[in-house]
Amino acid sequence: MHYLEELLQYKFLQIVEKHGNGKWALDELQWLIYDEYRTFYDALSDEDKYIVCMYIANLMRLHG
């Protein structure tokens, strides 16, 4: 597993624990990535951005 996937999984599980709801956790994780910490996301390589986007897309299939 790529280190970004591990970080995203860890953060997602933290948020699920807080909300008790996968949909809300997904919404918050997306907000964190694409809004709150946008500058960090923008600094990622294209490959790393792809990994983040695919991880979010897979979560959306499960919880969206």
C-alpha atoms as a PDB file:
ATOM      1  CA  MET A   1       0.000   0.000   0.000  1.00  0.00           C
ATOM      2  CA  HIS A   2       1.272   3.457  -0.895  1.00  0.00           C
ATOM      3  CA  TYR A   3       2.062   5.779   2.020  1.00  0.00           C
ATOM      4  CA  LEU A   4      -0.650   8.226   0.895  1.00  0.00           C
ATOM      5  CA  GLU A   5      -3.261   5.478   0.987  1.00  0.00           C
ATOM      6  CA  GLU A   6      -2.175   4.601   4.510  1.00  0.00           C
ATOM      7  CA  LEU A   7      -2.436   8.244   5.604  1.00  0.00           C
ATOM      8  CA  LEU A   8      -5.860   8.637   3.990  1.00  0.00           C
ATOM      9  CA  GLN A   9      -7.092   5.404   5.539  1.00  0.00           C
ATOM     10  CA  TYR A  10      -5.879   6.463   8.981  1.00  0.00           C
ATOM     11  CA  LYS A  11      -7.541   9.872   8.704  1.00  0.00           C
ATOM     12  CA  PHE A  12     -10.764   8.412   7.310  1.00  0.00           C
ATOM     13  CA  LEU A  13     -10.999   5.936  10.171  1.00  0.00           C
ATOM     14  CA  GLN A  14     -10.378   8.721  12.699  1.00  0.00           C
ATOM     15  CA  ILE A  15     -13.220  10.742  11.205  1.00  0.00           C
ATOM     16  CA  VAL A  16     -15.553   7.715  11.058  1.00  0.00           C
ATOM     17  CA  GLU A  17     -14.873   7.150  14.743  1.00  0.00           C
ATOM     18  CA  LYS A  18     -15.779  10.778  15.435  1.00  0.00           C
ATOM     19  CA  HIS A  19     -18.994  10.838  13.364  1.00  0.00           C
ATOM     20  CA  GLY A  20     -19.990   7.182  13.358  1.00  0.00           C
ATOM     21  CA  ASN A  21     -20.992   7.609   9.722  1.00  0.00           C
ATOM     22  CA  GLY A  22     -18.991   6.784   6.594  1.00  0.00           C
ATOM     23  CA  LYS A  23     -20.759   9.332   4.390  1.00  0.00           C
ATOM     24  CA  TRP A  24     -20.053  12.197   6.781  1.00  0.00           C
ATOM     25  CA  ALA A  25     -16.466  11.017   7.162  1.00  0.00           C
ATOM     26  CA  LEU A  26     -16.038  10.989   3.398  1.00  0.00           C
ATOM     27  CA  ASP A  27     -17.457  14.511   3.136  1.00  0.00           C
ATOM     28  CA  GLU A  28     -15.101  15.772   5.836  1.00  0.00           C
ATOM     29  CA  LEU A  29     -12.093  14.022   4.323  1.00  0.00           C
ATOM     30  CA  GLN A  30     -12.834  15.579   0.936  1.00  0.00           C
ATOM     31  CA  TRP A  31     -13.181  18.993   2.562  1.00  0.00           C
ATOM     32  CA  LEU A  32      -9.843  18.536   4.323  1.00  0.00           C
ATOM     33  CA  ILE A  33      -8.046  17.476   1.150  1.00  0.00           C
ATOM     34  CA  TYR A  34      -9.573  19.791  -1.432  1.00  0.00           C
ATOM     35  CA  ASP A  35     -10.358  22.876   0.670  1.00  0.00           C
ATOM     36  CA  GLU A  36      -8.658  23.144   4.067  1.00  0.00           C
ATOM     37  CA  TYR A  37      -5.253  21.812   2.958  1.00  0.00           C
ATOM     38  CA  ARG A  38      -5.500  22.582  -0.769  1.00  0.00           C
ATOM     39  CA  THR A  39      -1.964  23.964  -0.943  1.00  0.00           C
ATOM     40  CA  PHE A  40      -0.571  20.601   0.190  1.00  0.00           C
ATOM     41  CA  TYR A  41      -2.705  18.760  -2.360  1.00  0.00           C
ATOM     42  CA  ASP A  42      -1.571  21.126  -5.116  1.00  0.00           C
ATOM     43  CA  ALA A  43       2.073  20.484  -4.191  1.00  0.00           C
ATOM     44  CA  LEU A  44       1.725  16.722  -4.756  1.00  0.00           C
ATOM     45  CA  SER A  45       3.084  15.114  -7.895  1.00  0.00           C
ATOM     46  CA  ASP A  46       0.592  14.106 -10.576  1.00  0.00           C
ATOM     47  CA  GLU A  47       1.047  10.466  -9.563  1.00  0.00           C
ATOM     48  CA  ASP A  48       0.297  11.243  -5.915  1.00  0.00           C
ATOM     49  CA  LYS A  49      -2.745  13.348  -6.870  1.00  0.00           C
ATOM     50  CA  TYR A  50      -3.987  10.378  -8.888  1.00  0.00           C
ATOM     51  CA  ILE A  51      -3.582   8.098  -5.873  1.00  0.00           C
ATOM     52  CA  VAL A  52      -5.541  10.528  -3.674  1.00  0.00           C
ATOM     53  CA  CYS A  53      -8.304  10.902  -6.263  1.00  0.00           C
ATOM     54  CA  MET A  54      -8.616   7.141  -6.752  1.00  0.00           C
ATOM     55  CA  TYR A  55      -8.749   6.581  -3.001  1.00  0.00           C
ATOM     56  CA  ILE A  56     -11.552   9.152  -2.693  1.00  0.00           C
ATOM     57  CA  ALA A  57     -13.347   7.631  -5.696  1.00  0.00           C
ATOM     58  CA  ASN A  58     -13.243   4.188  -4.062  1.00  0.00           C
ATOM     59  CA  LEU A  59     -14.586   5.602  -0.795  1.00  0.00           C
ATOM     60  CA  MET A  60     -17.374   7.263  -2.770  1.00  0.00           C
ATOM     61  CA  ARG A  61     -18.322   3.882  -4.247  1.00  0.00           C
ATOM     62  CA  LEU A  62     -18.615   2.505  -0.728  1.00  0.00           C
ATOM     63  CA  HIS A  63     -20.070   5.457   1.177  1.00  0.00           C
ATOM     64  CA  GLY A  64     -21.230   7.992  -1.407  1.00  0.00           C
END
